[in-house]
């Protein structure tokens, strides 16, 4: 199975909240089956200064070899790359929607999104089934007594696709930490979904989320938990659920999307590597 590698062109830019831009891209190539499941991960490739289009890695027959192809690009030409979740693929088209959290002009993705206009081009690696969640999400959720979803604004695109995929009759609780009330987004679901919006204010990232889940009177029975957002907050929530609430590790799907005061270009910490090993053990 070949991992999709293609150019994408901006066709629309919308501010869905003051700090979130939803950008619609037209992909040059995209198989009909790509991007139809929830929580689909992908990489966007941004051009280096002086480049009009980014240099893309060569396609690989083995989807696990794409990173070697990326590293094979000379460093001066190698695109800047960031991870995203596909918010939506418009049915019957090659149009994909990706949400950008606008946290200032401090990184290649947010800085680019602040100025993005139709006609600009990026590269896209993925999405692909090889990087789908380790268990069929809807089946795991339906088999549990209830579902817990917890994350910050960076997790909202994935969380939104997940609650949309929940079947009717499932009880679900979502805890979402955001900057303030203006950042709330509508979440659609067939499930019995209760959403708790947590306004961060001036608190440290993850503090409101961790505090709310710790203080919550959660339902009894066996849950399926999905955690995503700032890595330290996700790590603390997972430990709380497993060590203090007695939730099985196998029933917790977790991902640290970003790290406070660090970027994706910084080396992984010992805790980051330990989390990666735990996640690999679940595949």
C-alpha atoms as a PDB file:
ATOM      1  CA  UNK A   1       0.000   0.000   0.000  1.00  0.00           C
ATOM      2  CA  UNK A   2       1.487   3.324  -1.108  1.00  0.00           C
ATOM      3  CA  UNK A   3       1.232   6.270   1.285  1.00  0.00           C
ATOM      4  CA  UNK A   4      -0.405   9.238  -0.462  1.00  0.00           C
ATOM      5  CA  UNK A   5       2.061  12.039  -1.265  1.00  0.00           C
ATOM      6  CA  UNK A   6       0.549  14.947  -3.185  1.00  0.00           C
ATOM      7  CA  UNK A   7       0.413  18.711  -3.593  1.00  0.00           C
ATOM      8  CA  UNK A   8      -2.639  20.499  -2.187  1.00  0.00           C
ATOM      9  CA  UNK A   9      -3.857  23.984  -3.139  1.00  0.00           C
ATOM     10  CA  UNK A  10      -5.808  26.388  -0.944  1.00  0.00           C
ATOM     11  CA  UNK A  11      -9.318  27.051  -2.242  1.00  0.00           C
ATOM     12  CA  UNK A  12     -10.936  28.605   0.855  1.00  0.00           C
ATOM     13  CA  UNK A  13      -9.890  30.091   4.207  1.00  0.00           C
ATOM     14  CA  UNK A  14     -12.467  30.615   6.979  1.00  0.00           C
ATOM     15  CA  UNK A  15     -12.141  31.683  10.612  1.00  0.00           C
ATOM     16  CA  UNK A  16     -14.459  29.325  12.456  1.00  0.00           C
ATOM     17  CA  UNK A  17     -13.410  30.884  15.791  1.00  0.00           C
ATOM     18  CA  UNK A  18     -11.140  33.849  16.543  1.00  0.00           C
ATOM     19  CA  UNK A  19      -8.166  31.486  16.970  1.00  0.00           C
ATOM     20  CA  UNK A  20      -8.993  28.701  14.503  1.00  0.00           C
ATOM     21  CA  UNK A  21      -8.805  28.810  10.712  1.00  0.00           C
ATOM     22  CA  UNK A  22     -10.459  26.087   8.640  1.00  0.00           C
ATOM     23  CA  UNK A  23      -8.622  25.827   5.340  1.00  0.00           C
ATOM     24  CA  UNK A  24     -10.014  23.851   2.419  1.00  0.00           C
ATOM     25  CA  UNK A  25      -7.461  22.342   0.055  1.00  0.00           C
ATOM     26  CA  UNK A  26      -7.848  20.697  -3.346  1.00  0.00           C
ATOM     27  CA  UNK A  27      -5.526  17.707  -3.623  1.00  0.00           C
ATOM     28  CA  UNK A  28      -3.889  16.948  -6.969  1.00  0.00           C
ATOM     29  CA  UNK A  29      -4.323  13.223  -6.280  1.00  0.00           C
ATOM     30  CA  UNK A  30      -6.387  11.425  -3.652  1.00  0.00           C
ATOM     31  CA  UNK A  31      -7.835   7.931  -3.838  1.00  0.00           C
ATOM     32  CA  UNK A  32     -11.584   7.619  -3.270  1.00  0.00           C
ATOM     33  CA  UNK A  33     -11.088   5.567  -0.090  1.00  0.00           C
ATOM     34  CA  UNK A  34      -8.679   8.015   1.599  1.00  0.00           C
ATOM     35  CA  UNK A  35      -9.877  10.212   4.455  1.00  0.00           C
ATOM     36  CA  UNK A  36     -13.261   8.627   5.043  1.00  0.00           C
ATOM     37  CA  UNK A  37     -12.626   7.310   8.593  1.00  0.00           C
ATOM     38  CA  UNK A  38     -12.450   9.348  11.814  1.00  0.00           C
ATOM     39  CA  UNK A  39      -9.188  10.522  13.412  1.00  0.00           C
ATOM     40  CA  UNK A  40      -7.110  10.388  10.218  1.00  0.00           C
ATOM     41  CA  UNK A  41      -3.573  11.703  10.700  1.00  0.00           C
ATOM     42  CA  UNK A  42      -1.536  13.430   7.989  1.00  0.00           C
ATOM     43  CA  UNK A  43       1.557  15.577   7.524  1.00  0.00           C
ATOM     44  CA  UNK A  44       1.629  18.956   5.808  1.00  0.00           C
ATOM     45  CA  UNK A  45       4.864  20.032   4.123  1.00  0.00           C
ATOM     46  CA  UNK A  46       5.623  23.779   4.082  1.00  0.00           C
ATOM     47  CA  UNK A  47       8.048  25.357   1.611  1.00  0.00           C
ATOM     48  CA  UNK A  48      11.392  26.668   2.766  1.00  0.00           C
ATOM     49  CA  UNK A  49      12.040  30.419   2.438  1.00  0.00           C
ATOM     50  CA  UNK A  50      12.589  31.179  -1.232  1.00  0.00           C
ATOM     51  CA  UNK A  51      10.590  28.167  -2.441  1.00  0.00           C
ATOM     52  CA  UNK A  52       7.209  28.487  -4.158  1.00  0.00           C
ATOM     53  CA  UNK A  53       6.320  24.822  -3.638  1.00  0.00           C
ATOM     54  CA  UNK A  54       7.823  22.444  -1.082  1.00  0.00           C
ATOM     55  CA  UNK A  55      10.020  19.557  -2.220  1.00  0.00           C
ATOM     56  CA  UNK A  56       8.063  16.373  -1.487  1.00  0.00           C
ATOM     57  CA  UNK A  57       9.489  12.993  -0.467  1.00  0.00           C
ATOM     58  CA  UNK A  58       9.474  10.267  -3.095  1.00  0.00           C
ATOM     59  CA  UNK A  59       6.538   7.873  -2.852  1.00  0.00           C
ATOM     60  CA  UNK A  60       7.248   4.524  -1.272  1.00  0.00           C
ATOM     61  CA  UNK A  61       5.583   1.153  -1.780  1.00  0.00           C
ATOM     62  CA  UNK A  62       6.023   0.526   1.941  1.00  0.00           C
ATOM     63  CA  UNK A  63       4.182   3.313   3.814  1.00  0.00           C
ATOM     64  CA  UNK A  64       6.596   2.983   6.733  1.00  0.00           C
ATOM     65  CA  UNK A  65       9.516   4.119   4.533  1.00  0.00           C
ATOM     66  CA  UNK A  66       8.175   7.608   3.845  1.00  0.00           C
ATOM     67  CA  UNK A  67      10.283   9.216   6.583  1.00  0.00           C
ATOM     68  CA  UNK A  68      13.500   7.838   5.119  1.00  0.00           C
ATOM     69  CA  UNK A  69      12.482   9.389   1.809  1.00  0.00           C
ATOM     70  CA  UNK A  70      11.836  12.672   3.606  1.00  0.00           C
ATOM     71  CA  UNK A  71      15.281  12.615   5.253  1.00  0.00           C
ATOM     72  CA  UNK A  72      16.861  11.841   1.870  1.00  0.00           C
ATOM     73  CA  UNK A  73      15.917  15.329   0.666  1.00  0.00           C
ATOM     74  CA  UNK A  74      18.934  17.677   1.110  1.00  0.00           C
ATOM     75  CA  UNK A  75      18.493  19.598   4.359  1.00  0.00           C
ATOM     76  CA  UNK A  76      18.504  23.006   2.656  1.00  0.00           C
ATOM     77  CA  UNK A  77      15.563  21.896   0.471  1.00  0.00           C
ATOM     78  CA  UNK A  78      13.758  19.636   2.948  1.00  0.00           C
ATOM     79  CA  UNK A  79      10.257  20.985   3.694  1.00  0.00           C
ATOM     80  CA  UNK A  80       9.186  22.021   7.157  1.00  0.00           C
ATOM     81  CA  UNK A  81       6.641  19.440   8.272  1.00  0.00           C
ATOM     82  CA  UNK A  82       3.849  19.463  10.847  1.00  0.00           C
ATOM     83  CA  UNK A  83       1.218  16.902  11.898  1.00  0.00           C
ATOM     84  CA  UNK A  84      -2.527  17.474  11.561  1.00  0.00           C
ATOM     85  CA  UNK A  85      -5.812  15.586  11.740  1.00  0.00           C
ATOM     86  CA  UNK A  86      -8.090  15.637   8.724  1.00  0.00           C
ATOM     87  CA  UNK A  87     -11.256  17.452   9.783  1.00  0.00           C
ATOM     88  CA  UNK A  88     -13.303  16.403   6.778  1.00  0.00           C
ATOM     89  CA  UNK A  89     -13.073  15.163   3.216  1.00  0.00           C
ATOM     90  CA  UNK A  90     -15.929  16.472   1.131  1.00  0.00           C
ATOM     91  CA  UNK A  91     -17.717  13.453  -0.367  1.00  0.00           C
ATOM     92  CA  UNK A  92     -17.144  12.813  -4.057  1.00  0.00           C
ATOM     93  CA  UNK A  93     -14.335  15.380  -4.330  1.00  0.00           C
ATOM     94  CA  UNK A  94     -10.605  15.770  -3.689  1.00  0.00           C
ATOM     95  CA  UNK A  95     -11.352  18.640  -1.282  1.00  0.00           C
ATOM     96  CA  UNK A  96     -10.067  18.260   2.278  1.00  0.00           C
ATOM     97  CA  UNK A  97     -10.634  20.530   5.286  1.00  0.00           C
ATOM     98  CA  UNK A  98      -7.893  21.039   7.875  1.00  0.00           C
ATOM     99  CA  UNK A  99      -8.166  23.205  10.997  1.00  0.00           C
ATOM    100  CA  UNK A 100      -5.221  25.361  12.125  1.00  0.00           C
ATOM    101  CA  UNK A 101      -4.935  26.682  15.674  1.00  0.00           C
ATOM    102  CA  UNK A 102      -3.629  30.244  15.360  1.00  0.00           C
ATOM    103  CA  UNK A 103      -1.255  30.690  18.280  1.00  0.00           C
ATOM    104  CA  UNK A 104       0.712  33.577  16.788  1.00  0.00           C
ATOM    105  CA  UNK A 105       3.366  33.987  14.136  1.00  0.00           C
ATOM    106  CA  UNK A 106       5.797  31.700  15.952  1.00  0.00           C
ATOM    107  CA  UNK A 107       5.900  28.517  13.875  1.00  0.00           C
ATOM    108  CA  UNK A 108       5.779  27.442  10.238  1.00  0.00           C
ATOM    109  CA  UNK A 109       2.164  26.212  10.348  1.00  0.00           C
ATOM    110  CA  UNK A 110       0.425  28.940  12.358  1.00  0.00           C
ATOM    111  CA  UNK A 111       2.438  31.683  10.666  1.00  0.00           C
ATOM    112  CA  UNK A 112       1.552  30.323   7.233  1.00  0.00           C
ATOM    113  CA  UNK A 113      -2.140  29.947   8.139  1.00  0.00           C
ATOM    114  CA  UNK A 114      -2.363  33.555   9.346  1.00  0.00           C
ATOM    115  CA  UNK A 115      -1.507  34.732   5.815  1.00  0.00           C
ATOM    116  CA  UNK A 116      -2.913  31.883   3.694  1.00  0.00           C
ATOM    117  CA  UNK A 117      -4.871  32.837   0.579  1.00  0.00           C
ATOM    118  CA  UNK A 118      -6.430  30.783  -2.239  1.00  0.00           C
ATOM    119  CA  UNK A 119      -3.888  29.528  -4.750  1.00  0.00           C
ATOM    120  CA  UNK A 120      -1.072  28.776  -2.303  1.00  0.00           C
ATOM    121  CA  UNK A 121       0.300  25.239  -2.328  1.00  0.00           C
ATOM    122  CA  UNK A 122       1.588  22.845   0.302  1.00  0.00           C
ATOM    123  CA  UNK A 123       2.510  19.177   0.256  1.00  0.00           C
ATOM    124  CA  UNK A 124       0.480  16.480   2.004  1.00  0.00           C
ATOM    125  CA  UNK A 125       1.702  13.067   3.173  1.00  0.00           C
ATOM    126  CA  UNK A 126      -1.222  10.812   4.056  1.00  0.00           C
ATOM    127  CA  UNK A 127      -3.800  10.225   5.334  1.00  0.00           C
ATOM    128  CA  UNK A 128      -3.644   6.445   5.154  1.00  0.00           C
ATOM    129  CA  UNK A 129      -5.165   3.435   6.873  1.00  0.00           C
ATOM    130  CA  UNK A 130      -1.673   2.473   8.100  1.00  0.00           C
ATOM    131  CA  UNK A 131      -1.864   5.386  10.539  1.00  0.00           C
ATOM    132  CA  UNK A 132      -5.447   4.848  11.670  1.00  0.00           C
ATOM    133  CA  UNK A 133      -6.152   4.193  15.367  1.00  0.00           C
ATOM    134  CA  UNK A 134      -5.049   0.731  16.567  1.00  0.00           C
ATOM    135  CA  UNK A 135      -8.608  -0.411  17.233  1.00  0.00           C
ATOM    136  CA  UNK A 136     -11.818   0.234  15.271  1.00  0.00           C
ATOM    137  CA  UNK A 137     -13.050   3.247  17.205  1.00  0.00           C
ATOM    138  CA  UNK A 138     -16.799   2.817  16.786  1.00  0.00           C
ATOM    139  CA  UNK A 139     -16.615  -0.861  17.733  1.00  0.00           C
ATOM    140  CA  UNK A 140     -14.527  -0.163  20.842  1.00  0.00           C
ATOM    141  CA  UNK A 141     -16.881   2.620  21.887  1.00  0.00           C
ATOM    142  CA  UNK A 142     -19.982   0.504  21.355  1.00  0.00           C
ATOM    143  CA  UNK A 143     -18.476  -2.358  23.379  1.00  0.00           C
ATOM    144  CA  UNK A 144     -17.757  -0.099  26.374  1.00  0.00           C
ATOM    145  CA  UNK A 145     -20.323   1.071  28.915  1.00  0.00           C
ATOM    146  CA  UNK A 146     -19.458   4.689  28.133  1.00  0.00           C
ATOM    147  CA  UNK A 147     -16.879   6.803  26.342  1.00  0.00           C
ATOM    148  CA  UNK A 148     -14.604   9.556  27.648  1.00  0.00           C
ATOM    149  CA  UNK A 149     -12.959  12.035  25.273  1.00  0.00           C
ATOM    150  CA  UNK A 150     -10.578  14.642  26.659  1.00  0.00           C
ATOM    151  CA  UNK A 151      -8.343  17.134  24.884  1.00  0.00           C
ATOM    152  CA  UNK A 152      -7.523  20.741  24.108  1.00  0.00           C
ATOM    153  CA  UNK A 153      -8.154  22.863  21.008  1.00  0.00           C
ATOM    154  CA  UNK A 154      -5.503  20.970  19.029  1.00  0.00           C
ATOM    155  CA  UNK A 155      -7.526  17.802  19.616  1.00  0.00           C
ATOM    156  CA  UNK A 156     -10.837  19.305  18.501  1.00  0.00           C
ATOM    157  CA  UNK A 157     -10.584  18.280  14.789  1.00  0.00           C
ATOM    158  CA  UNK A 158     -10.008  14.635  15.746  1.00  0.00           C
ATOM    159  CA  UNK A 159     -12.484  14.711  18.613  1.00  0.00           C
ATOM    160  CA  UNK A 160     -15.173  16.139  16.322  1.00  0.00           C
ATOM    161  CA  UNK A 161     -14.720  13.295  13.816  1.00  0.00           C
ATOM    162  CA  UNK A 162     -14.827  10.754  16.627  1.00  0.00           C
ATOM    163  CA  UNK A 163     -18.088  11.959  18.173  1.00  0.00           C
ATOM    164  CA  UNK A 164     -19.589  12.087  14.666  1.00  0.00           C
ATOM    165  CA  UNK A 165     -18.687   8.391  14.287  1.00  0.00           C
ATOM    166  CA  UNK A 166     -20.277   7.308  17.577  1.00  0.00           C
ATOM    167  CA  UNK A 167     -23.436   5.253  17.071  1.00  0.00           C
ATOM    168  CA  UNK A 168     -26.769   6.086  18.652  1.00  0.00           C
ATOM    169  CA  UNK A 169     -27.214   4.690  22.135  1.00  0.00           C
ATOM    170  CA  UNK A 170     -23.621   5.255  23.259  1.00  0.00           C
ATOM    171  CA  UNK A 171     -23.115   7.465  26.308  1.00  0.00           C
ATOM    172  CA  UNK A 172     -20.185   9.845  25.838  1.00  0.00           C
ATOM    173  CA  UNK A 173     -18.559  12.594  27.913  1.00  0.00           C
ATOM    174  CA  UNK A 174     -16.219  15.133  26.301  1.00  0.00           C
ATOM    175  CA  UNK A 175     -13.953  17.497  28.242  1.00  0.00           C
ATOM    176  CA  UNK A 176     -12.369  20.146  26.037  1.00  0.00           C
ATOM    177  CA  UNK A 177      -9.930  22.806  27.232  1.00  0.00           C
ATOM    178  CA  UNK A 178      -9.911  25.990  25.137  1.00  0.00           C
ATOM    179  CA  UNK A 179      -8.749  29.584  25.599  1.00  0.00           C
ATOM    180  CA  UNK A 180     -12.175  31.104  26.237  1.00  0.00           C
ATOM    181  CA  UNK A 181     -15.867  30.889  25.356  1.00  0.00           C
ATOM    182  CA  UNK A 182     -15.307  32.287  21.851  1.00  0.00           C
ATOM    183  CA  UNK A 183     -13.342  29.147  20.923  1.00  0.00           C
ATOM    184  CA  UNK A 184     -16.271  26.750  21.459  1.00  0.00           C
ATOM    185  CA  UNK A 185     -17.347  24.849  18.353  1.00  0.00           C
ATOM    186  CA  UNK A 186     -20.549  22.916  17.622  1.00  0.00           C
ATOM    187  CA  UNK A 187     -20.084  19.147  17.932  1.00  0.00           C
ATOM    188  CA  UNK A 188     -22.539  16.848  16.168  1.00  0.00           C
ATOM    189  CA  UNK A 189     -23.172  13.283  17.272  1.00  0.00           C
ATOM    190  CA  UNK A 190     -25.847  10.589  17.204  1.00  0.00           C
ATOM    191  CA  UNK A 191     -24.638   9.479  20.641  1.00  0.00           C
ATOM    192  CA  UNK A 192     -25.843  10.680  24.026  1.00  0.00           C
ATOM    193  CA  UNK A 193     -23.050  13.267  24.225  1.00  0.00           C
ATOM    194  CA  UNK A 194     -22.382  15.714  27.050  1.00  0.00           C
ATOM    195  CA  UNK A 195     -19.692  18.322  26.328  1.00  0.00           C
ATOM    196  CA  UNK A 196     -17.860  20.203  29.083  1.00  0.00           C
ATOM    197  CA  UNK A 197     -16.049  23.295  27.754  1.00  0.00           C
ATOM    198  CA  UNK A 198     -13.167  24.335  30.005  1.00  0.00           C
ATOM    199  CA  UNK A 199     -11.860  27.898  29.618  1.00  0.00           C
ATOM    200  CA  UNK A 200      -8.118  28.079  30.223  1.00  0.00           C
ATOM    201  CA  UNK A 201      -7.777  31.790  30.819  1.00  0.00           C
ATOM    202  CA  UNK A 202      -4.290  32.502  32.135  1.00  0.00           C
ATOM    203  CA  UNK A 203      -3.729  28.998  33.572  1.00  0.00           C
ATOM    204  CA  UNK A 204      -1.002  26.691  32.285  1.00  0.00           C
ATOM    205  CA  UNK A 205      -1.940  24.455  29.331  1.00  0.00           C
ATOM    206  CA  UNK A 206      -3.692  21.298  30.500  1.00  0.00           C
ATOM    207  CA  UNK A 207      -4.365  22.460  34.054  1.00  0.00           C
ATOM    208  CA  UNK A 208      -8.089  23.056  33.546  1.00  0.00           C
ATOM    209  CA  UNK A 209      -8.497  19.782  31.658  1.00  0.00           C
ATOM    210  CA  UNK A 210      -6.667  17.643  34.210  1.00  0.00           C
ATOM    211  CA  UNK A 211      -8.466  19.329  37.099  1.00  0.00           C
ATOM    212  CA  UNK A 212     -11.913  18.858  35.588  1.00  0.00           C
ATOM    213  CA  UNK A 213     -11.454  15.159  34.822  1.00  0.00           C
ATOM    214  CA  UNK A 214      -9.962  14.486  38.257  1.00  0.00           C
ATOM    215  CA  UNK A 215     -12.914  16.211  39.955  1.00  0.00           C
ATOM    216  CA  UNK A 216     -15.581  14.657  37.746  1.00  0.00           C
ATOM    217  CA  UNK A 217     -18.076  12.082  38.985  1.00  0.00           C
ATOM    218  CA  UNK A 218     -17.605   9.673  36.108  1.00  0.00           C
ATOM    219  CA  UNK A 219     -20.110   6.913  35.326  1.00  0.00           C
ATOM    220  CA  UNK A 220     -19.589   3.396  36.578  1.00  0.00           C
ATOM    221  CA  UNK A 221     -18.843   0.442  34.349  1.00  0.00           C
ATOM    222  CA  UNK A 222     -16.103  -0.017  31.778  1.00  0.00           C
ATOM    223  CA  UNK A 223     -15.131   3.065  29.759  1.00  0.00           C
ATOM    224  CA  UNK A 224     -13.229   3.581  26.535  1.00  0.00           C
ATOM    225  CA  UNK A 225     -11.087   6.721  26.858  1.00  0.00           C
ATOM    226  CA  UNK A 226      -9.532   8.855  24.131  1.00  0.00           C
ATOM    227  CA  UNK A 227      -7.020  11.487  25.243  1.00  0.00           C
ATOM    228  CA  UNK A 228      -5.147  14.000  23.078  1.00  0.00           C
ATOM    229  CA  UNK A 229      -3.518  17.411  23.320  1.00  0.00           C
ATOM    230  CA  UNK A 230      -0.517  18.755  25.210  1.00  0.00           C
ATOM    231  CA  UNK A 231       1.745  15.781  25.989  1.00  0.00           C
ATOM    232  CA  UNK A 232       2.209  16.462  29.698  1.00  0.00           C
ATOM    233  CA  UNK A 233      -1.517  16.889  30.282  1.00  0.00           C
ATOM    234  CA  UNK A 234      -2.319  13.722  28.319  1.00  0.00           C
ATOM    235  CA  UNK A 235       0.283  11.804  30.321  1.00  0.00           C
ATOM    236  CA  UNK A 236      -1.179  13.025  33.624  1.00  0.00           C
ATOM    237  CA  UNK A 237      -4.739  12.149  32.578  1.00  0.00           C
ATOM    238  CA  UNK A 238      -3.742   8.665  31.489  1.00  0.00           C
ATOM    239  CA  UNK A 239      -1.992   8.000  34.794  1.00  0.00           C
ATOM    240  CA  UNK A 240      -5.021   9.287  36.681  1.00  0.00           C
ATOM    241  CA  UNK A 241      -7.419   7.023  34.787  1.00  0.00           C
ATOM    242  CA  UNK A 242      -5.227   3.921  35.061  1.00  0.00           C
ATOM    243  CA  UNK A 243      -3.757   4.334  38.545  1.00  0.00           C
ATOM    244  CA  UNK A 244      -6.563   6.147  40.386  1.00  0.00           C
ATOM    245  CA  UNK A 245      -9.725   5.191  38.485  1.00  0.00           C
ATOM    246  CA  UNK A 246      -8.717   1.600  37.676  1.00  0.00           C
ATOM    247  CA  UNK A 247      -9.210   1.900  33.905  1.00  0.00           C
ATOM    248  CA  UNK A 248      -7.391  -0.753  31.896  1.00  0.00           C
ATOM    249  CA  UNK A 249      -4.448   0.533  29.845  1.00  0.00           C
ATOM    250  CA  UNK A 250      -5.936  -1.283  26.855  1.00  0.00           C
ATOM    251  CA  UNK A 251      -9.033   0.915  27.163  1.00  0.00           C
ATOM    252  CA  UNK A 252      -7.111   4.203  26.853  1.00  0.00           C
ATOM    253  CA  UNK A 253      -6.068   5.573  23.461  1.00  0.00           C
ATOM    254  CA  UNK A 254      -3.722   8.534  24.013  1.00  0.00           C
ATOM    255  CA  UNK A 255      -1.624  10.919  21.915  1.00  0.00           C
ATOM    256  CA  UNK A 256       0.487  13.914  22.865  1.00  0.00           C
ATOM    257  CA  UNK A 257       0.009  16.312  19.941  1.00  0.00           C
ATOM    258  CA  UNK A 258       2.351  19.021  21.202  1.00  0.00           C
ATOM    259  CA  UNK A 259       4.709  19.843  24.069  1.00  0.00           C
ATOM    260  CA  UNK A 260       4.645  22.999  26.191  1.00  0.00           C
ATOM    261  CA  UNK A 261       7.697  25.156  25.404  1.00  0.00           C
ATOM    262  CA  UNK A 262       8.952  22.629  22.809  1.00  0.00           C
ATOM    263  CA  UNK A 263       8.264  22.171  19.086  1.00  0.00           C
ATOM    264  CA  UNK A 264       8.159  19.143  16.806  1.00  0.00           C
ATOM    265  CA  UNK A 265      11.724  20.030  15.776  1.00  0.00           C
ATOM    266  CA  UNK A 266      13.049  19.557  19.328  1.00  0.00           C
ATOM    267  CA  UNK A 267      14.391  16.151  20.357  1.00  0.00           C
ATOM    268  CA  UNK A 268      12.017  13.805  22.213  1.00  0.00           C
ATOM    269  CA  UNK A 269      12.295  13.670  25.976  1.00  0.00           C
ATOM    270  CA  UNK A 270      12.616  10.437  27.942  1.00  0.00           C
ATOM    271  CA  UNK A 271       8.902  10.653  28.760  1.00  0.00           C
ATOM    272  CA  UNK A 272       8.071  11.166  25.054  1.00  0.00           C
ATOM    273  CA  UNK A 273       9.989   7.984  24.175  1.00  0.00           C
ATOM    274  CA  UNK A 274       8.274   6.045  26.955  1.00  0.00           C
ATOM    275  CA  UNK A 275       4.864   7.184  25.662  1.00  0.00           C
ATOM    276  CA  UNK A 276       5.805   6.092  22.139  1.00  0.00           C
ATOM    277  CA  UNK A 277       6.750   2.642  23.402  1.00  0.00           C
ATOM    278  CA  UNK A 278       3.440   2.337  25.240  1.00  0.00           C
ATOM    279  CA  UNK A 279       1.515   3.329  22.116  1.00  0.00           C
ATOM    280  CA  UNK A 280       3.433   0.879  19.933  1.00  0.00           C
ATOM    281  CA  UNK A 281       2.590  -1.881  22.399  1.00  0.00           C
ATOM    282  CA  UNK A 282      -1.088  -1.210  21.681  1.00  0.00           C
ATOM    283  CA  UNK A 283      -0.771  -1.830  17.922  1.00  0.00           C
END
